[in-house]
PDB file of N, CA and C in Angstrom:
ATOM      1  N   MET A   1      79.643 -42.338 -65.977  1.00  0.00           N
ATOM      2  CA  MET A   1      79.045 -41.686 -67.125  1.00  0.00           C
ATOM      3  C   MET A   1      77.612 -42.191 -67.276  1.00  0.00           C
ATOM      4  N   LYS A   2      76.692 -41.308 -67.355  1.00  0.00           N
ATOM      5  CA  LYS A   2      75.282 -41.648 -67.532  1.00  0.00           C
ATOM      6  C   LYS A   2      74.918 -41.596 -68.998  1.00  0.00           C
ATOM      7  N   ILE A   3      74.007 -42.488 -69.374  1.00  0.00           N
ATOM      8  CA  ILE A   3      73.484 -42.449 -70.735  1.00  0.00           C
ATOM      9  C   ILE A   3      71.969 -42.283 -70.656  1.00  0.00           C
ATOM     10  N   THR A   4      71.433 -41.759 -71.736  1.00  0.00           N
ATOM     11  CA  THR A   4      69.991 -41.546 -71.768  1.00  0.00           C
ATOM     12  C   THR A   4      69.278 -42.853 -72.097  1.00  0.00           C
ATOM     13  N   LYS A   5      67.982 -42.869 -71.888  1.00  0.00           N
ATOM     14  CA  LYS A   5      67.185 -44.052 -72.216  1.00  0.00           C
ATOM     15  C   LYS A   5      67.288 -44.350 -73.705  1.00  0.00           C
ATOM     16  N   LYS A   6      67.278 -43.315 -74.524  1.00  0.00           N
ATOM     17  CA  LYS A   6      67.378 -43.481 -75.975  1.00  0.00           C
ATOM     18  C   LYS A   6      68.719 -44.112 -76.349  1.00  0.00           C
ATOM     19  N   GLU A   7      69.798 -43.642 -75.728  1.00  0.00           N
ATOM     20  CA  GLU A   7      71.120 -44.211 -75.994  1.00  0.00           C
ATOM     21  C   GLU A   7      71.199 -45.672 -75.540  1.00  0.00           C
ATOM     22  N   ALA A   8      70.582 -45.969 -74.409  1.00  0.00           N
ATOM     23  CA  ALA A   8      70.578 -47.344 -73.892  1.00  0.00           C
ATOM     24  C   ALA A   8      69.839 -48.273 -74.844  1.00  0.00           C
ATOM     25  N   ILE A   9      68.736 -47.802 -75.389  1.00  0.00           N
ATOM     26  CA  ILE A   9      67.965 -48.611 -76.337  1.00  0.00           C
ATOM     27  C   ILE A   9      68.776 -48.858 -77.602  1.00  0.00           C
ATOM     28  N   LYS A  10      69.444 -47.826 -78.107  1.00  0.00           N
ATOM     29  CA  LYS A  10      70.286 -47.982 -79.295  1.00  0.00           C
ATOM     30  C   LYS A  10      71.407 -48.999 -79.023  1.00  0.00           C
ATOM     31  N   PHE A  11      72.029 -48.893 -77.855  1.00  0.00           N
ATOM     32  CA  PHE A  11      73.099 -49.806 -77.468  1.00  0.00           C
ATOM     33  C   PHE A  11      72.586 -51.245 -77.442  1.00  0.00           C
ATOM     34  N   LYS A  12      71.444 -51.428 -76.799  1.00  0.00           N
ATOM     35  CA  LYS A  12      70.838 -52.763 -76.703  1.00  0.00           C
ATOM     36  C   LYS A  12      70.509 -53.305 -78.084  1.00  0.00           C
ATOM     37  N   ASN A  13      69.966 -52.470 -78.957  1.00  0.00           N
ATOM     38  CA  ASN A  13      69.618 -52.894 -80.314  1.00  0.00           C
ATOM     39  C   ASN A  13      70.853 -53.308 -81.113  1.00  0.00           C
ATOM     40  N   ARG A  14      71.949 -52.569 -80.954  1.00  0.00           N
ATOM     41  CA  ARG A  14      73.187 -52.933 -81.652  1.00  0.00           C
ATOM     42  C   ARG A  14      73.667 -54.306 -81.203  1.00  0.00           C
ATOM     43  N   TRP A  15      73.618 -54.556 -79.903  1.00  0.00           N
ATOM     44  CA  TRP A  15      74.058 -55.853 -79.400  1.00  0.00           C
ATOM     45  C   TRP A  15      73.132 -56.973 -79.844  1.00  0.00           C
ATOM     46  N   GLU A  16      71.865 -56.717 -79.985  1.00  0.00           N
ATOM     47  CA  GLU A  16      70.943 -57.734 -80.494  1.00  0.00           C
ATOM     48  C   GLU A  16      71.285 -58.095 -81.929  1.00  0.00           C
ATOM     49  N   VAL A  17      71.658 -57.105 -82.736  1.00  0.00           N
ATOM     50  CA  VAL A  17      72.063 -57.359 -84.125  1.00  0.00           C
ATOM     51  C   VAL A  17      73.339 -58.197 -84.143  1.00  0.00           C
ATOM     52  N   ILE A  18      74.289 -57.841 -83.307  1.00  0.00           N
ATOM     53  CA  ILE A  18      75.552 -58.580 -83.235  1.00  0.00           C
ATOM     54  C   ILE A  18      75.301 -60.016 -82.785  1.00  0.00           C
ATOM     55  N   ASN A  19      74.495 -60.203 -81.756  1.00  0.00           N
ATOM     56  CA  ASN A  19      74.196 -61.551 -81.264  1.00  0.00           C
ATOM     57  C   ASN A  19      73.505 -62.395 -82.332  1.00  0.00           C
ATOM     58  N   ALA A  20      72.595 -61.800 -83.073  1.00  0.00           N
ATOM     59  CA  ALA A  20      71.894 -62.528 -84.137  1.00  0.00           C
ATOM     60  C   ALA A  20      72.881 -62.946 -85.223  1.00  0.00           C
ATOM     61  N   PHE A  21      73.800 -62.053 -85.577  1.00  0.00           N
ATOM     62  CA  PHE A  21      74.810 -62.371 -86.589  1.00  0.00           C
ATOM     63  C   PHE A  21      75.682 -63.527 -86.114  1.00  0.00           C
ATOM     64  N   GLU A  22      76.153 -63.464 -84.862  1.00  0.00           N
ATOM     65  CA  GLU A  22      76.996 -64.535 -84.330  1.00  0.00           C
ATOM     66  C   GLU A  22      76.240 -65.859 -84.292  1.00  0.00           C
ATOM     67  N   HIS A  23      74.975 -65.819 -83.919  1.00  0.00           N
ATOM     68  CA  HIS A  23      74.157 -67.035 -83.877  1.00  0.00           C
ATOM     69  C   HIS A  23      74.050 -67.653 -85.270  1.00  0.00           C
ATOM     70  N   ASP A  24      73.783 -66.835 -86.268  1.00  0.00           N
ATOM     71  CA  ASP A  24      73.681 -67.318 -87.643  1.00  0.00           C
ATOM     72  C   ASP A  24      75.024 -67.872 -88.124  1.00  0.00           C
ATOM     73  N   GLU A  25      76.093 -67.175 -87.786  1.00  0.00           N
ATOM     74  CA  GLU A  25      77.431 -67.617 -88.192  1.00  0.00           C
ATOM     75  C   GLU A  25      77.756 -68.984 -87.579  1.00  0.00           C
ATOM     76  N   LEU A  26      77.436 -69.166 -86.306  1.00  0.00           N
ATOM     77  CA  LEU A  26      77.670 -70.456 -85.658  1.00  0.00           C
ATOM     78  C   LEU A  26      76.836 -71.560 -86.303  1.00  0.00           C
ATOM     79  N   ARG A  27      75.618 -71.250 -86.655  1.00  0.00           N
ATOM     80  CA  ARG A  27      74.749 -72.243 -87.282  1.00  0.00           C
ATOM     81  C   ARG A  27      75.287 -72.664 -88.648  1.00  0.00           C
ATOM     82  N   ARG A  28      75.893 -71.723 -89.380  1.00  0.00           N
ATOM     83  CA  ARG A  28      76.422 -72.016 -90.716  1.00  0.00           C
ATOM     84  C   ARG A  28      77.788 -72.702 -90.672  1.00  0.00           C
ATOM     85  N   THR A  29      78.487 -72.627 -89.541  1.00  0.00           N
ATOM     86  CA  THR A  29      79.826 -73.206 -89.447  1.00  0.00           C
ATOM     87  C   THR A  29      79.735 -74.726 -89.464  1.00  0.00           C
ATOM     88  N   SER A  30      80.563 -75.340 -90.292  1.00  0.00           N
ATOM     89  CA  SER A  30      80.532 -76.800 -90.415  1.00  0.00           C
ATOM     90  C   SER A  30      81.085 -77.455 -89.151  1.00  0.00           C
ATOM     91  N   MET A  31      80.709 -78.717 -88.959  1.00  0.00           N
ATOM     92  CA  MET A  31      81.186 -79.461 -87.798  1.00  0.00           C
ATOM     93  C   MET A  31      82.706 -79.628 -87.861  1.00  0.00           C
ATOM     94  N   ASP A  32      83.273 -79.796 -89.063  1.00  0.00           N
ATOM     95  CA  ASP A  32      84.731 -79.910 -89.196  1.00  0.00           C
ATOM     96  C   ASP A  32      85.435 -78.670 -88.656  1.00  0.00           C
ATOM     97  N   ILE A  33      84.936 -77.501 -89.018  1.00  0.00           N
ATOM     98  CA  ILE A  33      85.539 -76.249 -88.552  1.00  0.00           C
ATOM     99  C   ILE A  33      85.383 -76.125 -87.042  1.00  0.00           C
ATOM    100  N   LYS A  34      84.208 -76.458 -86.526  1.00  0.00           N
ATOM    101  CA  LYS A  34      83.996 -76.390 -85.079  1.00  0.00           C
ATOM    102  C   LYS A  34      84.955 -77.313 -84.344  1.00  0.00           C
ATOM    103  N   MET A  35      85.185 -78.507 -84.883  1.00  0.00           N
ATOM    104  CA  MET A  35      86.110 -79.443 -84.246  1.00  0.00           C
ATOM    105  C   MET A  35      87.546 -78.928 -84.318  1.00  0.00           C
ATOM    106  N   GLN A  36      87.918 -78.299 -85.426  1.00  0.00           N
ATOM    107  CA  GLN A  36      89.251 -77.706 -85.543  1.00  0.00           C
ATOM    108  C   GLN A  36      89.431 -76.590 -84.521  1.00  0.00           C
ATOM    109  N   GLN A  37      88.398 -75.774 -84.339  1.00  0.00           N
ATOM    110  CA  GLN A  37      88.464 -74.695 -83.362  1.00  0.00           C
ATOM    111  C   GLN A  37      88.589 -75.248 -81.950  1.00  0.00           C
ATOM    112  N   LEU A  38      87.836 -76.305 -81.649  1.00  0.00           N
ATOM    113  CA  LEU A  38      87.920 -76.931 -80.339  1.00  0.00           C
ATOM    114  C   LEU A  38      89.315 -77.517 -80.115  1.00  0.00           C
ATOM    115  N   ALA A  39      89.855 -78.189 -81.128  1.00  0.00           N
ATOM    116  CA  ALA A  39      91.195 -78.767 -81.008  1.00  0.00           C
ATOM    117  C   ALA A  39      92.237 -77.682 -80.766  1.00  0.00           C
ATOM    118  N   ALA A  40      92.089 -76.544 -81.436  1.00  0.00           N
ATOM    119  CA  ALA A  40      93.030 -75.438 -81.235  1.00  0.00           C
ATOM    120  C   ALA A  40      92.944 -74.899 -79.811  1.00  0.00           C
ATOM    121  N   LEU A  41      91.728 -74.770 -79.289  1.00  0.00           N
ATOM    122  CA  LEU A  41      91.557 -74.317 -77.906  1.00  0.00           C
ATOM    123  C   LEU A  41      92.167 -75.303 -76.923  1.00  0.00           C
ATOM    124  N   MET A  42      91.903 -76.587 -77.135  1.00  0.00           N
ATOM    125  CA  MET A  42      92.420 -77.601 -76.223  1.00  0.00           C
ATOM    126  C   MET A  42      93.944 -77.669 -76.281  1.00  0.00           C
ATOM    127  N   ALA A  43      94.514 -77.430 -77.444  1.00  0.00           N
ATOM    128  CA  ALA A  43      95.973 -77.418 -77.576  1.00  0.00           C
ATOM    129  C   ALA A  43      96.581 -76.203 -76.877  1.00  0.00           C
ATOM    130  N   SER A  44      95.780 -75.192 -76.624  1.00  0.00           N
ATOM    131  CA  SER A  44      96.260 -73.949 -76.006  1.00  0.00           C
ATOM    132  C   SER A  44      95.978 -73.877 -74.509  1.00  0.00           C
ATOM    133  N   VAL A  45      95.467 -74.944 -73.926  1.00  0.00           N
ATOM    134  CA  VAL A  45      95.061 -74.936 -72.521  1.00  0.00           C
ATOM    135  C   VAL A  45      96.188 -74.460 -71.615  1.00  0.00           C
ATOM    136  N   ASN A  46      97.379 -75.021 -71.776  1.00  0.00           N
ATOM    137  CA  ASN A  46      98.498 -74.644 -70.904  1.00  0.00           C
ATOM    138  C   ASN A  46      98.907 -73.190 -71.102  1.00  0.00           C
ATOM    139  N   GLU A  47      99.004 -72.764 -72.358  1.00  0.00           N
ATOM    140  CA  GLU A  47      99.417 -71.379 -72.631  1.00  0.00           C
ATOM    141  C   GLU A  47      98.419 -70.357 -72.096  1.00  0.00           C
ATOM    142  N   LEU A  48      97.137 -70.739 -72.090  1.00  0.00           N
ATOM    143  CA  LEU A  48      96.100 -69.821 -71.619  1.00  0.00           C
ATOM    144  C   LEU A  48      95.883 -69.897 -70.107  1.00  0.00           C
ATOM    145  N   GLY A  49      96.549 -70.855 -69.450  1.00  0.00           N
ATOM    146  CA  GLY A  49      96.422 -70.986 -68.001  1.00  0.00           C
ATOM    147  C   GLY A  49      95.103 -71.596 -67.563  1.00  0.00           C
ATOM    148  N   TRP A  50      94.522 -72.466 -68.389  1.00  0.00           N
ATOM    149  CA  TRP A  50      93.218 -73.044 -68.099  1.00  0.00           C
ATOM    150  C   TRP A  50      93.284 -74.406 -67.435  1.00  0.00           C
ATOM    151  N   GLU A  51      94.492 -74.995 -67.301  1.00  0.00           N
ATOM    152  CA  GLU A  51      94.569 -76.376 -66.840  1.00  0.00           C
ATOM    153  C   GLU A  51      93.940 -76.574 -65.468  1.00  0.00           C
ATOM    154  N   LYS A  52      94.130 -75.626 -64.554  1.00  0.00           N
ATOM    155  CA  LYS A  52      93.555 -75.765 -63.220  1.00  0.00           C
ATOM    156  C   LYS A  52      92.023 -75.677 -63.283  1.00  0.00           C
ATOM    157  N   ALA A  53      91.515 -74.691 -63.997  1.00  0.00           N
ATOM    158  CA  ALA A  53      90.062 -74.514 -64.088  1.00  0.00           C
ATOM    159  C   ALA A  53      89.397 -75.717 -64.755  1.00  0.00           C
ATOM    160  N   LEU A  54      90.038 -76.280 -65.768  1.00  0.00           N
ATOM    161  CA  LEU A  54      89.445 -77.421 -66.460  1.00  0.00           C
ATOM    162  C   LEU A  54      89.491 -78.692 -65.628  1.00  0.00           C
ATOM    163  N   SER A  55      90.465 -78.786 -64.718  1.00  0.00           N
ATOM    164  CA  SER A  55      90.574 -80.005 -63.919  1.00  0.00           C
ATOM    165  C   SER A  55      89.718 -79.951 -62.656  1.00  0.00           C
ATOM    166  N   GLU A  56      89.218 -78.769 -62.289  1.00  0.00           N
ATOM    167  CA  GLU A  56      88.359 -78.661 -61.113  1.00  0.00           C
ATOM    168  C   GLU A  56      87.084 -79.457 -61.318  1.00  0.00           C
ATOM    169  N   GLY A  57      86.737 -80.238 -60.332  1.00  0.00           N
ATOM    170  CA  GLY A  57      85.525 -81.035 -60.408  1.00  0.00           C
ATOM    171  C   GLY A  57      85.686 -82.320 -61.190  1.00  0.00           C
ATOM    172  N   GLU A  58      86.912 -82.606 -61.618  1.00  0.00           N
ATOM    173  CA  GLU A  58      87.149 -83.808 -62.415  1.00  0.00           C
ATOM    174  C   GLU A  58      86.784 -85.082 -61.653  1.00  0.00           C
ATOM    175  N   ASP A  59      87.131 -85.126 -60.371  1.00  0.00           N
ATOM    176  CA  ASP A  59      86.814 -86.310 -59.560  1.00  0.00           C
ATOM    177  C   ASP A  59      85.305 -86.535 -59.471  1.00  0.00           C
ATOM    178  N   LYS A  60      84.557 -85.442 -59.270  1.00  0.00           N
ATOM    179  CA  LYS A  60      83.095 -85.562 -59.200  1.00  0.00           C
ATOM    180  C   LYS A  60      82.529 -86.051 -60.537  1.00  0.00           C
ATOM    181  N   LEU A  61      83.077 -85.535 -61.614  1.00  0.00           N
ATOM    182  CA  LEU A  61      82.608 -85.934 -62.937  1.00  0.00           C
ATOM    183  C   LEU A  61      82.894 -87.412 -63.187  1.00  0.00           C
ATOM    184  N   ARG A  62      84.091 -87.873 -62.831  1.00  0.00           N
ATOM    185  CA  ARG A  62      84.423 -89.294 -63.001  1.00  0.00           C
ATOM    186  C   ARG A  62      83.468 -90.175 -62.194  1.00  0.00           C
ATOM    187  N   GLU A  63      83.166 -89.748 -60.979  1.00  0.00           N
ATOM    188  CA  GLU A  63      82.257 -90.532 -60.146  1.00  0.00           C
ATOM    189  C   GLU A  63      80.857 -90.580 -60.764  1.00  0.00           C
ATOM    190  N   ARG A  64      80.389 -89.479 -61.333  1.00  0.00           N
ATOM    191  CA  ARG A  64      79.079 -89.483 -62.005  1.00  0.00           C
ATOM    192  C   ARG A  64      79.060 -90.477 -63.167  1.00  0.00           C
ATOM    193  N   TRP A  65      80.125 -90.441 -63.984  1.00  0.00           N
ATOM    194  CA  TRP A  65      80.207 -91.376 -65.100  1.00  0.00           C
ATOM    195  C   TRP A  65      80.223 -92.813 -64.592  1.00  0.00           C
ATOM    196  N   ASN A  66      80.966 -93.071 -63.529  1.00  0.00           N
ATOM    197  CA  ASN A  66      81.019 -94.422 -62.965  1.00  0.00           C
ATOM    198  C   ASN A  66      79.651 -94.865 -62.458  1.00  0.00           C
ATOM    199  N   ARG A  67      78.912 -93.955 -61.804  1.00  0.00           N
ATOM    200  CA  ARG A  67      77.555 -94.291 -61.350  1.00  0.00           C
ATOM    201  C   ARG A  67      76.652 -94.628 -62.533  1.00  0.00           C
ATOM    202  N   LEU A  68      76.760 -93.848 -63.617  1.00  0.00           N
ATOM    203  CA  LEU A  68      75.966 -94.128 -64.816  1.00  0.00           C
ATOM    204  C   LEU A  68      76.342 -95.480 -65.410  1.00  0.00           C
ATOM    205  N   ARG A  69      77.638 -95.744 -65.486  1.00  0.00           N
ATOM    206  CA  ARG A  69      78.075 -97.036 -66.029  1.00  0.00           C
ATOM    207  C   ARG A  69      77.528 -98.189 -65.194  1.00  0.00           C
ATOM    208  N   ARG A  70      77.607 -98.051 -63.876  1.00  0.00           N
ATOM    209  CA  ARG A  70      77.085 -99.107 -62.992  1.00  0.00           C
ATOM    210  C   ARG A  70      75.573 -99.246 -63.172  1.00  0.00           C
ATOM    211  N   ALA A  71      74.871 -98.132 -63.259  1.00  0.00           N
ATOM    212  CA  ALA A  71      73.412 -98.162 -63.399  1.00  0.00           C
ATOM    213  C   ALA A  71      72.989 -98.850 -64.695  1.00  0.00           C
ATOM    214  N   TYR A  72      73.793 -98.666 -65.743  1.00  0.00           N
ATOM    215  CA  TYR A  72      73.453 -99.254 -67.044  1.00  0.00           C
ATOM    216  C   TYR A  72      74.293-100.497 -67.347  1.00  0.00           C
ATOM    217  N   ASN A  73      74.991-101.006 -66.352  1.00  0.00           N
ATOM    218  CA  ASN A  73      75.811-102.208 -66.490  1.00  0.00           C
ATOM    219  C   ASN A  73      76.787-102.133 -67.665  1.00  0.00           C
ATOM    220  N   VAL A  74      77.467-101.003 -67.776  1.00  0.00           N
ATOM    221  CA  VAL A  74      78.408-100.806 -68.872  1.00  0.00           C
ATOM    222  C   VAL A  74      79.819-101.172 -68.460  1.00  0.00           C
ATOM    223  N   LEU A  75      80.094-101.265 -67.175  1.00  0.00           N
ATOM    224  CA  LEU A  75      81.452-101.562 -66.706  1.00  0.00           C
ATOM    225  C   LEU A  75      81.940-102.885 -67.134  1.00  0.00           C
TER     226      LEU A  75
END
C-alpha cells in the first residue's frame, strides 16, 4: 500500500507527538514507580522467555567488572 507524501508527513507528526508525550511522562514518573516497574519486569523474565537473552554476554560482562576492580584495586 502506497501513501502520499502528505499522509507520510501527518503520520510522522503524529508519532512525534506521541514520542514527546511518552518522554514527558517518563520524566514525571517517580523513581519509586520506575523501580517497581523494573522489579515487575525482572520478576517476569521466565514467563516472558527472556532468561537466555539476558544471560548472553554475562561472562564478558563479569570479566569487564573484574578488570575494573583490578584497575581500581577494589578486589
